[in-house]
Amino acid sequence: MFDLSGKVALVTGASRGLGAAMAKSLAEAGATVILNARDRASLDAKLAEIVAAGGKGEVCAFDVDAMIFGDDWGQQTGLLMGADLWREYIKPRMTRMYQRVKAHGKTVMIHSCGKVEELFPELIEAGVEVFNPFQPEVMDIYAIKRAFGDRLSFYGGISTQRTLPFATVRDVKDEVRRLLDEIGKDGGYIAAPAHWIPADAKPENIAAMLEVLQEQ
């Protein structure tokens, strides 16, 4: 069990299922767990503490290792708005936020669903260090690792649209082992489902995934 004493964890979707189990495990490890925005009293209290600690609501004043930004810029086939509009309206503002985090010595992580790999060179330039969800359904994750693995780490990669719901147990184990061997080679990979585990995922496939991950 990890010792998370003094750490703060904001867990969304914690009312049931995996989110509830995650919140319970974090609390048992000593973390202060805020369930989600519905838990208004806890959330408001923690935000007030953050403001008091940093003077201007500076979250980086806390003892955290990384900041994750959640923005969905893609769909299954490409960008939602096109690269030119993204560069004009989003990139400058996101770059300022990423650089603010990096100035405090924290790791910059982002989440963006969809086929967004055309933005990777600019995201790296802007300061992104870890990309999630790394969806194998919409991008060639092995080619991306080869192209950007020296400058970018990846978080996700285990298929939630194909493998966990529809594959056999053997297929799941083979896929996860390949991810660990190839994407995880030389580091820079956090092995995990590419997104929330869907309700139609087979329990035996989830167990097979966990079995391989725990063998590391």
N, C-alpha and C. Protein backbone atom coordinates (compact mmCIF):
# COMPACT_ATOMS: atom_id res chain seq x y z
N MET A 1 0.84 -1.20 0.00
CA MET A 1 0.00 0.00 0.00
C MET A 1 0.87 1.25 0.00
N PHE A 2 0.58 2.20 -0.86
CA PHE A 2 1.32 3.45 -0.89
C PHE A 2 0.92 4.31 0.30
N ASP A 3 1.87 5.13 0.78
CA ASP A 3 1.58 6.09 1.84
C ASP A 3 1.29 7.43 1.19
N LEU A 4 0.03 7.83 1.20
CA LEU A 4 -0.39 9.09 0.57
C LEU A 4 -0.75 10.15 1.60
N SER A 5 -0.23 10.02 2.79
CA SER A 5 -0.51 10.99 3.84
C SER A 5 -0.10 12.39 3.39
N GLY A 6 -0.99 13.35 3.59
CA GLY A 6 -0.72 14.73 3.21
C GLY A 6 -1.06 15.05 1.77
N LYS A 7 -1.43 14.03 0.98
CA LYS A 7 -1.81 14.26 -0.42
C LYS A 7 -3.32 14.50 -0.51
N VAL A 8 -3.73 15.21 -1.56
CA VAL A 8 -5.14 15.51 -1.81
C VAL A 8 -5.54 14.84 -3.13
N ALA A 9 -6.65 14.13 -3.11
CA ALA A 9 -7.13 13.46 -4.32
C ALA A 9 -8.56 13.90 -4.61
N LEU A 10 -8.78 14.41 -5.82
CA LEU A 10 -10.13 14.75 -6.28
C LEU A 10 -10.57 13.64 -7.21
N VAL A 11 -11.58 12.87 -6.80
CA VAL A 11 -12.04 11.71 -7.55
C VAL A 11 -13.43 11.99 -8.10
N THR A 12 -13.55 11.99 -9.42
CA THR A 12 -14.86 12.19 -10.04
C THR A 12 -15.52 10.84 -10.28
N GLY A 13 -16.83 10.83 -10.37
CA GLY A 13 -17.56 9.60 -10.62
C GLY A 13 -17.39 8.59 -9.51
N ALA A 14 -17.30 9.08 -8.26
CA ALA A 14 -17.00 8.19 -7.14
C ALA A 14 -18.24 7.65 -6.44
N SER A 15 -19.42 7.84 -7.03
CA SER A 15 -20.63 7.38 -6.37
C SER A 15 -20.83 5.88 -6.47
N ARG A 16 -20.14 5.25 -7.47
CA ARG A 16 -20.32 3.81 -7.63
C ARG A 16 -19.16 3.24 -8.44
N GLY A 17 -19.09 1.93 -8.48
CA GLY A 17 -18.15 1.23 -9.35
C GLY A 17 -16.69 1.54 -9.08
N LEU A 18 -15.94 1.66 -10.18
CA LEU A 18 -14.49 1.85 -10.08
C LEU A 18 -14.13 3.12 -9.34
N GLY A 19 -14.90 4.20 -9.56
CA GLY A 19 -14.62 5.45 -8.87
C GLY A 19 -14.73 5.32 -7.37
N ALA A 20 -15.75 4.62 -6.91
CA ALA A 20 -15.93 4.41 -5.47
C ALA A 20 -14.79 3.58 -4.89
N ALA A 21 -14.39 2.54 -5.62
CA ALA A 21 -13.28 1.70 -5.15
C ALA A 21 -11.98 2.50 -5.10
N MET A 22 -11.76 3.36 -6.10
CA MET A 22 -10.56 4.19 -6.12
C MET A 22 -10.54 5.15 -4.94
N ALA A 23 -11.68 5.79 -4.68
CA ALA A 23 -11.76 6.73 -3.56
C ALA A 23 -11.48 6.03 -2.25
N LYS A 24 -12.03 4.83 -2.09
CA LYS A 24 -11.80 4.06 -0.86
C LYS A 24 -10.33 3.72 -0.69
N SER A 25 -9.68 3.28 -1.77
CA SER A 25 -8.27 2.91 -1.70
C SER A 25 -7.39 4.12 -1.38
N LEU A 26 -7.70 5.26 -1.98
CA LEU A 26 -6.92 6.47 -1.72
C LEU A 26 -7.06 6.90 -0.27
N ALA A 27 -8.29 6.83 0.25
CA ALA A 27 -8.52 7.20 1.65
C ALA A 27 -7.78 6.26 2.59
N GLU A 28 -7.79 4.97 2.29
CA GLU A 28 -7.09 4.00 3.13
C GLU A 28 -5.58 4.23 3.12
N ALA A 29 -5.08 4.81 2.02
CA ALA A 29 -3.66 5.10 1.94
C ALA A 29 -3.28 6.42 2.61
N GLY A 30 -4.27 7.12 3.15
CA GLY A 30 -3.98 8.33 3.91
C GLY A 30 -4.28 9.63 3.21
N ALA A 31 -4.76 9.58 1.97
CA ALA A 31 -5.03 10.81 1.22
C ALA A 31 -6.32 11.47 1.70
N THR A 32 -6.38 12.79 1.55
CA THR A 32 -7.63 13.51 1.76
C THR A 32 -8.41 13.44 0.46
N VAL A 33 -9.56 12.78 0.48
CA VAL A 33 -10.32 12.52 -0.74
C VAL A 33 -11.51 13.47 -0.83
N ILE A 34 -11.59 14.20 -1.94
CA ILE A 34 -12.76 15.01 -2.27
C ILE A 34 -13.47 14.26 -3.39
N LEU A 35 -14.71 13.91 -3.20
CA LEU A 35 -15.37 13.01 -4.12
C LEU A 35 -15.63 13.63 -5.48
N ASN A 36 -16.26 14.78 -5.55
CA ASN A 36 -16.48 15.45 -6.83
C ASN A 36 -17.17 16.78 -6.55
N ALA A 37 -17.54 17.45 -7.61
CA ALA A 37 -18.14 18.78 -7.44
C ALA A 37 -19.46 18.73 -6.68
N ARG A 38 -20.11 17.58 -6.63
CA ARG A 38 -21.35 17.49 -5.88
C ARG A 38 -21.12 17.58 -4.37
N ASP A 39 -19.90 17.21 -3.96
CA ASP A 39 -19.54 17.30 -2.55
C ASP A 39 -19.10 18.74 -2.29
N ARG A 40 -20.06 19.65 -2.34
CA ARG A 40 -19.76 21.08 -2.35
C ARG A 40 -19.02 21.54 -1.10
N ALA A 41 -19.40 21.04 0.06
CA ALA A 41 -18.77 21.53 1.29
C ALA A 41 -17.28 21.21 1.30
N SER A 42 -16.93 19.95 0.98
CA SER A 42 -15.52 19.56 0.96
C SER A 42 -14.76 20.30 -0.13
N LEU A 43 -15.38 20.42 -1.29
CA LEU A 43 -14.71 21.08 -2.40
C LEU A 43 -14.46 22.55 -2.09
N ASP A 44 -15.47 23.24 -1.57
CA ASP A 44 -15.31 24.66 -1.25
C ASP A 44 -14.25 24.86 -0.17
N ALA A 45 -14.22 23.96 0.80
CA ALA A 45 -13.23 24.07 1.87
C ALA A 45 -11.82 23.89 1.32
N LYS A 46 -11.65 22.93 0.43
CA LYS A 46 -10.32 22.70 -0.14
C LYS A 46 -9.89 23.86 -1.04
N LEU A 47 -10.82 24.41 -1.81
CA LEU A 47 -10.48 25.56 -2.65
C LEU A 47 -10.07 26.75 -1.79
N ALA A 48 -10.76 26.94 -0.67
CA ALA A 48 -10.39 28.03 0.24
C ALA A 48 -8.99 27.81 0.80
N GLU A 49 -8.66 26.54 1.08
CA GLU A 49 -7.33 26.22 1.59
C GLU A 49 -6.26 26.50 0.53
N ILE A 50 -6.58 26.18 -0.72
CA ILE A 50 -5.65 26.43 -1.81
C ILE A 50 -5.39 27.93 -1.96
N VAL A 51 -6.46 28.71 -1.92
CA VAL A 51 -6.32 30.16 -2.02
C VAL A 51 -5.47 30.70 -0.87
N ALA A 52 -5.73 30.22 0.34
CA ALA A 52 -4.97 30.69 1.49
C ALA A 52 -3.49 30.32 1.37
N ALA A 53 -3.21 29.14 0.82
CA ALA A 53 -1.82 28.70 0.72
C ALA A 53 -1.05 29.48 -0.34
N GLY A 54 -1.71 29.80 -1.44
CA GLY A 54 -1.00 30.43 -2.53
C GLY A 54 -1.24 31.91 -2.68
N GLY A 55 -2.20 32.45 -1.96
CA GLY A 55 -2.47 33.87 -2.04
C GLY A 55 -3.37 34.23 -3.22
N LYS A 56 -3.21 33.53 -4.35
CA LYS A 56 -4.00 33.84 -5.54
C LYS A 56 -4.61 32.56 -6.13
N GLY A 57 -4.96 31.63 -5.26
CA GLY A 57 -5.53 30.39 -5.75
C GLY A 57 -4.51 29.53 -6.48
N GLU A 58 -3.24 29.61 -6.05
CA GLU A 58 -2.16 28.90 -6.73
C GLU A 58 -2.11 27.44 -6.30
N VAL A 59 -2.69 26.57 -7.11
CA VAL A 59 -2.74 25.15 -6.78
C VAL A 59 -1.33 24.57 -6.68
N CYS A 60 -0.40 25.08 -7.45
CA CYS A 60 0.96 24.55 -7.44
C CYS A 60 1.68 24.80 -6.12
N ALA A 61 1.09 25.58 -5.23
CA ALA A 61 1.68 25.76 -3.92
C ALA A 61 1.60 24.48 -3.10
N PHE A 62 0.72 23.56 -3.50
CA PHE A 62 0.57 22.31 -2.78
C PHE A 62 1.63 21.30 -3.20
N ASP A 63 1.87 20.32 -2.35
CA ASP A 63 2.85 19.28 -2.61
C ASP A 63 2.25 18.24 -3.56
N VAL A 64 2.15 18.61 -4.82
CA VAL A 64 1.65 17.69 -5.84
C VAL A 64 2.75 17.49 -6.88
N ASP A 65 2.75 16.35 -7.50
CA ASP A 65 3.78 16.04 -8.49
C ASP A 65 3.42 16.51 -9.89
N ALA A 66 2.12 16.58 -10.18
CA ALA A 66 1.70 16.88 -11.54
C ALA A 66 0.34 17.56 -11.54
N MET A 67 0.06 18.24 -12.64
CA MET A 67 -1.26 18.82 -12.87
C MET A 67 -1.79 18.25 -14.17
N ILE A 68 -3.05 17.78 -14.15
CA ILE A 68 -3.64 17.24 -15.37
C ILE A 68 -4.75 18.17 -15.85
N PHE A 69 -4.70 18.50 -17.12
CA PHE A 69 -5.70 19.36 -17.75
C PHE A 69 -6.60 18.48 -18.61
N GLY A 70 -7.91 18.67 -18.49
CA GLY A 70 -8.85 17.85 -19.24
C GLY A 70 -9.55 18.64 -20.33
N ASP A 71 -9.22 18.38 -21.57
CA ASP A 71 -9.83 19.06 -22.71
C ASP A 71 -9.98 18.07 -23.85
N ASP A 72 -11.18 17.94 -24.39
CA ASP A 72 -11.39 17.04 -25.52
C ASP A 72 -11.39 17.84 -26.82
N TRP A 73 -10.32 17.66 -27.61
CA TRP A 73 -10.20 18.39 -28.87
C TRP A 73 -10.49 17.51 -30.08
N GLY A 74 -10.70 16.21 -29.86
CA GLY A 74 -10.83 15.31 -30.98
C GLY A 74 -12.07 14.45 -30.95
N GLN A 75 -12.34 13.84 -32.09
CA GLN A 75 -13.36 12.81 -32.23
C GLN A 75 -12.68 11.59 -32.83
N GLN A 76 -13.45 10.59 -33.21
CA GLN A 76 -12.85 9.35 -33.68
C GLN A 76 -12.03 9.53 -34.96
N THR A 77 -12.34 10.53 -35.76
CA THR A 77 -11.69 10.66 -37.06
C THR A 77 -10.78 11.88 -37.19
N GLY A 78 -10.70 12.73 -36.18
CA GLY A 78 -9.84 13.91 -36.29
C GLY A 78 -10.23 14.99 -35.30
N LEU A 79 -9.70 16.18 -35.51
CA LEU A 79 -9.95 17.30 -34.60
C LEU A 79 -11.39 17.79 -34.75
N LEU A 80 -11.94 18.30 -33.66
CA LEU A 80 -13.30 18.82 -33.68
C LEU A 80 -13.39 20.13 -34.46
N MET A 81 -12.36 20.95 -34.34
CA MET A 81 -12.44 22.29 -34.91
C MET A 81 -11.41 22.58 -36.00
N GLY A 82 -10.48 21.70 -36.18
CA GLY A 82 -9.42 21.95 -37.14
C GLY A 82 -8.22 22.62 -36.48
N ALA A 83 -7.04 22.31 -36.99
CA ALA A 83 -5.80 22.78 -36.36
C ALA A 83 -5.66 24.29 -36.36
N ASP A 84 -6.10 24.96 -37.41
CA ASP A 84 -5.92 26.41 -37.49
C ASP A 84 -6.69 27.13 -36.38
N LEU A 85 -7.93 26.74 -36.16
CA LEU A 85 -8.72 27.36 -35.10
C LEU A 85 -8.17 26.99 -33.72
N TRP A 86 -7.71 25.75 -33.58
CA TRP A 86 -7.09 25.35 -32.30
C TRP A 86 -5.88 26.23 -32.01
N ARG A 87 -5.06 26.46 -33.02
CA ARG A 87 -3.87 27.29 -32.81
C ARG A 87 -4.23 28.73 -32.46
N GLU A 88 -5.30 29.23 -33.04
CA GLU A 88 -5.66 30.62 -32.82
C GLU A 88 -6.31 30.83 -31.45
N TYR A 89 -7.22 29.95 -31.07
CA TYR A 89 -8.04 30.21 -29.89
C TYR A 89 -7.63 29.44 -28.63
N ILE A 90 -7.04 28.28 -28.80
CA ILE A 90 -6.77 27.43 -27.64
C ILE A 90 -5.29 27.37 -27.28
N LYS A 91 -4.44 27.15 -28.26
CA LYS A 91 -3.02 26.94 -27.97
C LYS A 91 -2.39 28.05 -27.13
N PRO A 92 -2.60 29.33 -27.44
CA PRO A 92 -1.92 30.37 -26.64
C PRO A 92 -2.32 30.33 -25.17
N ARG A 93 -3.58 30.10 -24.89
CA ARG A 93 -4.06 30.09 -23.51
C ARG A 93 -3.59 28.84 -22.77
N MET A 94 -3.65 27.68 -23.44
CA MET A 94 -3.17 26.46 -22.81
C MET A 94 -1.67 26.53 -22.54
N THR A 95 -0.93 27.12 -23.47
CA THR A 95 0.51 27.23 -23.29
C THR A 95 0.84 28.04 -22.04
N ARG A 96 0.11 29.12 -21.80
CA ARG A 96 0.36 29.92 -20.61
C ARG A 96 0.12 29.11 -19.34
N MET A 97 -0.94 28.31 -19.34
CA MET A 97 -1.23 27.49 -18.15
C MET A 97 -0.18 26.40 -17.96
N TYR A 98 0.21 25.74 -19.06
CA TYR A 98 1.22 24.69 -18.94
C TYR A 98 2.54 25.27 -18.42
N GLN A 99 2.93 26.41 -18.95
CA GLN A 99 4.21 26.99 -18.53
C GLN A 99 4.17 27.45 -17.08
N ARG A 100 2.99 27.87 -16.63
CA ARG A 100 2.86 28.26 -15.22
C ARG A 100 3.11 27.05 -14.32
N VAL A 101 2.58 25.91 -14.71
CA VAL A 101 2.79 24.68 -13.94
C VAL A 101 4.26 24.27 -13.97
N LYS A 102 4.87 24.31 -15.16
CA LYS A 102 6.27 23.91 -15.28
C LYS A 102 7.19 24.83 -14.51
N ALA A 103 6.82 26.10 -14.41
CA ALA A 103 7.64 27.04 -13.65
C ALA A 103 7.72 26.67 -12.18
N HIS A 104 6.74 25.90 -11.71
CA HIS A 104 6.74 25.43 -10.32
C HIS A 104 7.36 24.05 -10.18
N GLY A 105 7.94 23.54 -11.25
CA GLY A 105 8.60 22.25 -11.18
C GLY A 105 7.65 21.06 -11.19
N LYS A 106 6.42 21.27 -11.66
CA LYS A 106 5.44 20.19 -11.71
C LYS A 106 5.35 19.62 -13.13
N THR A 107 4.92 18.37 -13.22
CA THR A 107 4.73 17.71 -14.51
C THR A 107 3.38 18.11 -15.10
N VAL A 108 3.37 18.38 -16.40
CA VAL A 108 2.14 18.75 -17.10
C VAL A 108 1.56 17.52 -17.80
N MET A 109 0.34 17.14 -17.40
CA MET A 109 -0.37 16.03 -18.02
C MET A 109 -1.64 16.58 -18.66
N ILE A 110 -2.04 16.01 -19.80
CA ILE A 110 -3.30 16.42 -20.39
C ILE A 110 -4.13 15.20 -20.78
N HIS A 111 -5.44 15.40 -20.79
CA HIS A 111 -6.38 14.42 -21.32
C HIS A 111 -7.09 15.06 -22.50
N SER A 112 -7.04 14.38 -23.63
CA SER A 112 -7.85 14.79 -24.77
C SER A 112 -8.26 13.56 -25.53
N CYS A 113 -9.54 13.27 -25.52
CA CYS A 113 -10.06 12.16 -26.32
C CYS A 113 -9.89 12.45 -27.81
N GLY A 114 -9.92 11.39 -28.59
CA GLY A 114 -9.98 11.54 -30.03
C GLY A 114 -8.64 11.49 -30.73
N LYS A 115 -8.73 11.61 -32.03
CA LYS A 115 -7.58 11.52 -32.92
C LYS A 115 -6.92 12.90 -33.01
N VAL A 116 -5.97 13.16 -32.14
CA VAL A 116 -5.37 14.50 -32.02
C VAL A 116 -3.86 14.48 -32.22
N GLU A 117 -3.31 13.38 -32.74
CA GLU A 117 -1.86 13.27 -32.80
C GLU A 117 -1.20 14.33 -33.67
N GLU A 118 -1.95 14.95 -34.58
CA GLU A 118 -1.34 16.01 -35.39
C GLU A 118 -0.92 17.21 -34.54
N LEU A 119 -1.46 17.29 -33.34
CA LEU A 119 -1.10 18.39 -32.44
C LEU A 119 0.10 18.07 -31.55
N PHE A 120 0.56 16.83 -31.55
CA PHE A 120 1.61 16.43 -30.60
C PHE A 120 2.86 17.31 -30.66
N PRO A 121 3.40 17.62 -31.83
CA PRO A 121 4.60 18.48 -31.82
C PRO A 121 4.36 19.82 -31.12
N GLU A 122 3.19 20.40 -31.32
CA GLU A 122 2.89 21.69 -30.71
C GLU A 122 2.57 21.55 -29.22
N LEU A 123 1.95 20.44 -28.85
CA LEU A 123 1.69 20.20 -27.43
C LEU A 123 3.00 20.03 -26.67
N ILE A 124 3.93 19.32 -27.26
CA ILE A 124 5.25 19.15 -26.64
C ILE A 124 5.94 20.51 -26.51
N GLU A 125 5.88 21.29 -27.56
CA GLU A 125 6.46 22.64 -27.54
C GLU A 125 5.82 23.50 -26.45
N ALA A 126 4.51 23.32 -26.25
CA ALA A 126 3.78 24.11 -25.26
C ALA A 126 4.09 23.69 -23.83
N GLY A 127 4.63 22.47 -23.66
CA GLY A 127 5.01 22.04 -22.32
C GLY A 127 4.40 20.73 -21.84
N VAL A 128 3.60 20.08 -22.67
CA VAL A 128 2.97 18.82 -22.24
C VAL A 128 4.03 17.73 -22.11
N GLU A 129 3.92 16.97 -21.02
CA GLU A 129 4.88 15.89 -20.77
C GLU A 129 4.22 14.51 -20.74
N VAL A 130 2.93 14.44 -20.41
CA VAL A 130 2.21 13.16 -20.36
C VAL A 130 0.88 13.32 -21.06
N PHE A 131 0.60 12.40 -22.01
CA PHE A 131 -0.66 12.45 -22.77
C PHE A 131 -1.55 11.27 -22.43
N ASN A 132 -2.82 11.56 -22.18
CA ASN A 132 -3.86 10.58 -21.91
C ASN A 132 -5.08 10.97 -22.77
N PRO A 133 -5.87 10.03 -23.31
CA PRO A 133 -5.98 8.62 -22.94
C PRO A 133 -5.23 7.67 -23.87
N PHE A 134 -4.61 8.16 -24.97
CA PHE A 134 -3.78 7.29 -25.79
C PHE A 134 -4.63 6.14 -26.35
N GLN A 135 -5.64 6.50 -27.14
CA GLN A 135 -6.66 5.55 -27.58
C GLN A 135 -6.21 4.74 -28.80
N PRO A 136 -6.08 3.43 -28.66
CA PRO A 136 -5.66 2.62 -29.81
C PRO A 136 -6.72 2.51 -30.89
N GLU A 137 -7.96 2.88 -30.56
CA GLU A 137 -9.03 2.84 -31.55
C GLU A 137 -8.92 3.96 -32.58
N VAL A 138 -8.23 5.02 -32.24
CA VAL A 138 -8.20 6.19 -33.14
C VAL A 138 -6.79 6.58 -33.59
N MET A 139 -5.76 5.94 -33.04
CA MET A 139 -4.39 6.28 -33.41
C MET A 139 -3.52 5.04 -33.33
N ASP A 140 -2.45 5.03 -34.11
CA ASP A 140 -1.48 3.94 -34.07
C ASP A 140 -0.53 4.23 -32.91
N ILE A 141 -0.84 3.65 -31.76
CA ILE A 141 -0.09 4.01 -30.56
C ILE A 141 1.36 3.56 -30.61
N TYR A 142 1.64 2.50 -31.35
CA TYR A 142 3.02 2.02 -31.45
C TYR A 142 3.86 2.97 -32.32
N ALA A 143 3.27 3.44 -33.40
CA ALA A 143 3.97 4.42 -34.25
C ALA A 143 4.17 5.73 -33.50
N ILE A 144 3.18 6.12 -32.71
CA ILE A 144 3.29 7.37 -31.96
C ILE A 144 4.38 7.27 -30.90
N LYS A 145 4.47 6.12 -30.25
CA LYS A 145 5.54 5.92 -29.26
C LYS A 145 6.90 6.07 -29.93
N ARG A 146 7.05 5.47 -31.12
CA ARG A 146 8.33 5.57 -31.83
C ARG A 146 8.64 7.01 -32.23
N ALA A 147 7.61 7.75 -32.62
CA ALA A 147 7.82 9.11 -33.12
C ALA A 147 8.05 10.12 -32.00
N PHE A 148 7.35 9.94 -30.88
CA PHE A 148 7.37 10.98 -29.85
C PHE A 148 7.83 10.50 -28.48
N GLY A 149 8.17 9.22 -28.35
CA GLY A 149 8.49 8.65 -27.04
C GLY A 149 9.70 9.25 -26.36
N ASP A 150 10.56 9.92 -27.11
CA ASP A 150 11.72 10.56 -26.49
C ASP A 150 11.38 11.91 -25.89
N ARG A 151 10.16 12.42 -26.18
CA ARG A 151 9.76 13.74 -25.69
C ARG A 151 8.44 13.74 -24.95
N LEU A 152 7.72 12.62 -25.00
CA LEU A 152 6.37 12.58 -24.44
C LEU A 152 6.12 11.22 -23.81
N SER A 153 5.50 11.22 -22.64
CA SER A 153 5.09 9.97 -21.99
C SER A 153 3.60 9.76 -22.24
N PHE A 154 3.16 8.51 -22.10
CA PHE A 154 1.79 8.16 -22.45
C PHE A 154 1.10 7.43 -21.31
N TYR A 155 -0.20 7.71 -21.16
CA TYR A 155 -1.00 7.19 -20.05
C TYR A 155 -2.30 6.65 -20.64
N GLY A 156 -2.48 5.34 -20.58
CA GLY A 156 -3.67 4.72 -21.16
C GLY A 156 -3.28 3.57 -22.06
N GLY A 157 -3.90 3.50 -23.25
CA GLY A 157 -3.47 2.56 -24.27
C GLY A 157 -4.22 1.24 -24.34
N ILE A 158 -4.84 0.80 -23.24
CA ILE A 158 -5.57 -0.46 -23.26
C ILE A 158 -6.98 -0.21 -23.79
N SER A 159 -7.34 -0.88 -24.85
CA SER A 159 -8.58 -0.58 -25.58
C SER A 159 -9.83 -0.84 -24.74
N THR A 160 -10.64 0.21 -24.60
CA THR A 160 -11.93 0.07 -23.91
C THR A 160 -13.10 -0.03 -24.88
N GLN A 161 -12.84 0.18 -26.15
CA GLN A 161 -13.90 0.08 -27.15
C GLN A 161 -13.92 -1.27 -27.86
N ARG A 162 -12.76 -1.94 -27.85
CA ARG A 162 -12.67 -3.23 -28.53
C ARG A 162 -12.28 -4.35 -27.57
N THR A 163 -11.12 -4.22 -26.95
CA THR A 163 -10.54 -5.34 -26.23
C THR A 163 -11.31 -5.73 -24.97
N LEU A 164 -11.49 -4.79 -24.05
CA LEU A 164 -12.13 -5.15 -22.78
C LEU A 164 -13.58 -5.63 -22.96
N PRO A 165 -14.37 -5.05 -23.86
CA PRO A 165 -15.73 -5.57 -24.01
C PRO A 165 -15.84 -6.85 -24.84
N PHE A 166 -14.96 -7.03 -25.84
CA PHE A 166 -15.23 -8.05 -26.86
C PHE A 166 -14.16 -9.13 -27.01
N ALA A 167 -12.97 -8.91 -26.52
CA ALA A 167 -11.89 -9.87 -26.74
C ALA A 167 -12.00 -11.06 -25.79
N THR A 168 -11.17 -12.08 -26.07
CA THR A 168 -11.06 -13.21 -25.16
C THR A 168 -10.05 -12.86 -24.05
N VAL A 169 -10.05 -13.65 -23.01
CA VAL A 169 -9.09 -13.45 -21.92
C VAL A 169 -7.66 -13.53 -22.45
N ARG A 170 -7.39 -14.50 -23.32
CA ARG A 170 -6.05 -14.63 -23.89
C ARG A 170 -5.68 -13.39 -24.70
N ASP A 171 -6.62 -12.88 -25.49
CA ASP A 171 -6.35 -11.67 -26.27
C ASP A 171 -6.01 -10.49 -25.37
N VAL A 172 -6.74 -10.36 -24.27
CA VAL A 172 -6.49 -9.26 -23.33
C VAL A 172 -5.08 -9.36 -22.78
N LYS A 173 -4.72 -10.54 -22.32
CA LYS A 173 -3.38 -10.71 -21.74
C LYS A 173 -2.30 -10.44 -22.77
N ASP A 174 -2.50 -10.91 -24.00
CA ASP A 174 -1.50 -10.69 -25.04
C ASP A 174 -1.36 -9.20 -25.35
N GLU A 175 -2.49 -8.49 -25.43
CA GLU A 175 -2.44 -7.06 -25.75
C GLU A 175 -1.74 -6.27 -24.65
N VAL A 176 -2.08 -6.56 -23.40
CA VAL A 176 -1.47 -5.82 -22.29
C VAL A 176 0.02 -6.10 -22.21
N ARG A 177 0.41 -7.35 -22.42
CA ARG A 177 1.85 -7.67 -22.39
C ARG A 177 2.59 -6.98 -23.52
N ARG A 178 1.98 -6.92 -24.71
CA ARG A 178 2.64 -6.23 -25.82
C ARG A 178 2.80 -4.74 -25.50
N LEU A 179 1.76 -4.15 -24.91
CA LEU A 179 1.87 -2.74 -24.54
C LEU A 179 3.02 -2.52 -23.56
N LEU A 180 3.13 -3.38 -22.56
CA LEU A 180 4.19 -3.23 -21.57
C LEU A 180 5.56 -3.41 -22.22
N ASP A 181 5.65 -4.39 -23.12
CA ASP A 181 6.95 -4.69 -23.74
C ASP A 181 7.38 -3.62 -24.75
N GLU A 182 6.43 -3.11 -25.54
CA GLU A 182 6.80 -2.19 -26.62
C GLU A 182 6.61 -0.72 -26.23
N ILE A 183 5.43 -0.38 -25.73
CA ILE A 183 5.21 1.01 -25.33
C ILE A 183 6.00 1.32 -24.06
N GLY A 184 6.09 0.33 -23.17
CA GLY A 184 6.78 0.54 -21.91
C GLY A 184 8.29 0.43 -21.99
N LYS A 185 8.81 0.00 -23.13
CA LYS A 185 10.26 -0.12 -23.27
C LYS A 185 10.93 1.23 -23.07
N ASP A 186 11.93 1.27 -22.24
CA ASP A 186 12.68 2.49 -21.93
C ASP A 186 11.86 3.50 -21.11
N GLY A 187 10.72 3.06 -20.56
CA GLY A 187 9.93 3.94 -19.69
C GLY A 187 9.00 4.85 -20.47
N GLY A 188 8.42 5.82 -19.75
CA GLY A 188 7.54 6.78 -20.40
C GLY A 188 6.15 6.25 -20.67
N TYR A 189 5.69 5.27 -19.88
CA TYR A 189 4.36 4.71 -20.12
C TYR A 189 3.69 4.37 -18.80
N ILE A 190 2.45 4.86 -18.63
CA ILE A 190 1.59 4.49 -17.50
C ILE A 190 0.51 3.59 -18.09
N ALA A 191 0.61 2.29 -17.85
CA ALA A 191 -0.34 1.34 -18.43
C ALA A 191 -1.68 1.44 -17.72
N ALA A 192 -2.73 1.62 -18.52
CA ALA A 192 -4.08 1.78 -17.96
C ALA A 192 -5.09 1.67 -19.09
N PRO A 193 -6.36 1.44 -18.75
CA PRO A 193 -7.40 1.53 -19.79
C PRO A 193 -7.38 2.91 -20.42
N ALA A 194 -7.70 2.95 -21.72
CA ALA A 194 -7.65 4.21 -22.44
C ALA A 194 -8.72 5.20 -21.97
N HIS A 195 -9.75 4.71 -21.32
CA HIS A 195 -10.81 5.58 -20.82
C HIS A 195 -11.52 4.83 -19.70
N TRP A 196 -12.64 5.41 -19.22
CA TRP A 196 -13.44 4.69 -18.23
C TRP A 196 -13.76 3.30 -18.75
N ILE A 197 -13.67 2.30 -17.87
CA ILE A 197 -14.04 0.95 -18.28
C ILE A 197 -15.55 0.91 -18.51
N PRO A 198 -15.99 0.54 -19.72
CA PRO A 198 -17.43 0.59 -20.02
C PRO A 198 -18.21 -0.50 -19.29
N ALA A 199 -19.51 -0.26 -19.17
CA ALA A 199 -20.37 -1.19 -18.45
C ALA A 199 -20.43 -2.55 -19.13
N ASP A 200 -20.17 -2.61 -20.44
CA ASP A 200 -20.26 -3.89 -21.14
C ASP A 200 -18.92 -4.63 -21.19
N ALA A 201 -17.90 -4.13 -20.49
CA ALA A 201 -16.63 -4.84 -20.42
C ALA A 201 -16.82 -6.14 -19.65
N LYS A 202 -16.22 -7.21 -20.15
CA LYS A 202 -16.37 -8.51 -19.50
C LYS A 202 -15.56 -8.53 -18.19
N PRO A 203 -16.18 -8.96 -17.09
CA PRO A 203 -15.43 -9.02 -15.82
C PRO A 203 -14.16 -9.85 -15.92
N GLU A 204 -14.22 -10.95 -16.67
CA GLU A 204 -13.03 -11.80 -16.79
C GLU A 204 -11.93 -11.08 -17.56
N ASN A 205 -12.29 -10.18 -18.46
CA ASN A 205 -11.27 -9.42 -19.18
C ASN A 205 -10.62 -8.36 -18.30
N ILE A 206 -11.43 -7.73 -17.45
CA ILE A 206 -10.87 -6.77 -16.49
C ILE A 206 -9.91 -7.49 -15.55
N ALA A 207 -10.30 -8.68 -15.08
CA ALA A 207 -9.44 -9.46 -14.19
C ALA A 207 -8.15 -9.86 -14.90
N ALA A 208 -8.24 -10.22 -16.18
CA ALA A 208 -7.04 -10.60 -16.94
C ALA A 208 -6.09 -9.43 -17.10
N MET A 209 -6.65 -8.24 -17.38
CA MET A 209 -5.83 -7.04 -17.49
C MET A 209 -5.09 -6.77 -16.17
N LEU A 210 -5.81 -6.82 -15.07
CA LEU A 210 -5.20 -6.55 -13.77
C LEU A 210 -4.14 -7.59 -13.42
N GLU A 211 -4.40 -8.83 -13.79
CA GLU A 211 -3.43 -9.89 -13.51
C GLU A 211 -2.09 -9.61 -14.18
N VAL A 212 -2.14 -9.22 -15.45
CA VAL A 212 -0.89 -8.93 -16.17
C VAL A 212 -0.21 -7.69 -15.59
N LEU A 213 -0.99 -6.66 -15.30
CA LEU A 213 -0.39 -5.43 -14.75
C LEU A 213 0.27 -5.69 -13.40
N GLN A 214 -0.33 -6.56 -12.60
CA GLN A 214 0.24 -6.83 -11.28
C GLN A 214 1.46 -7.74 -11.33
N GLU A 215 1.73 -8.33 -12.50
CA GLU A 215 2.89 -9.18 -12.66
C GLU A 215 4.17 -8.38 -12.94
N GLN A 216 4.04 -7.08 -13.18
CA GLN A 216 5.20 -6.28 -13.54
C GLN A 216 6.26 -6.32 -12.44
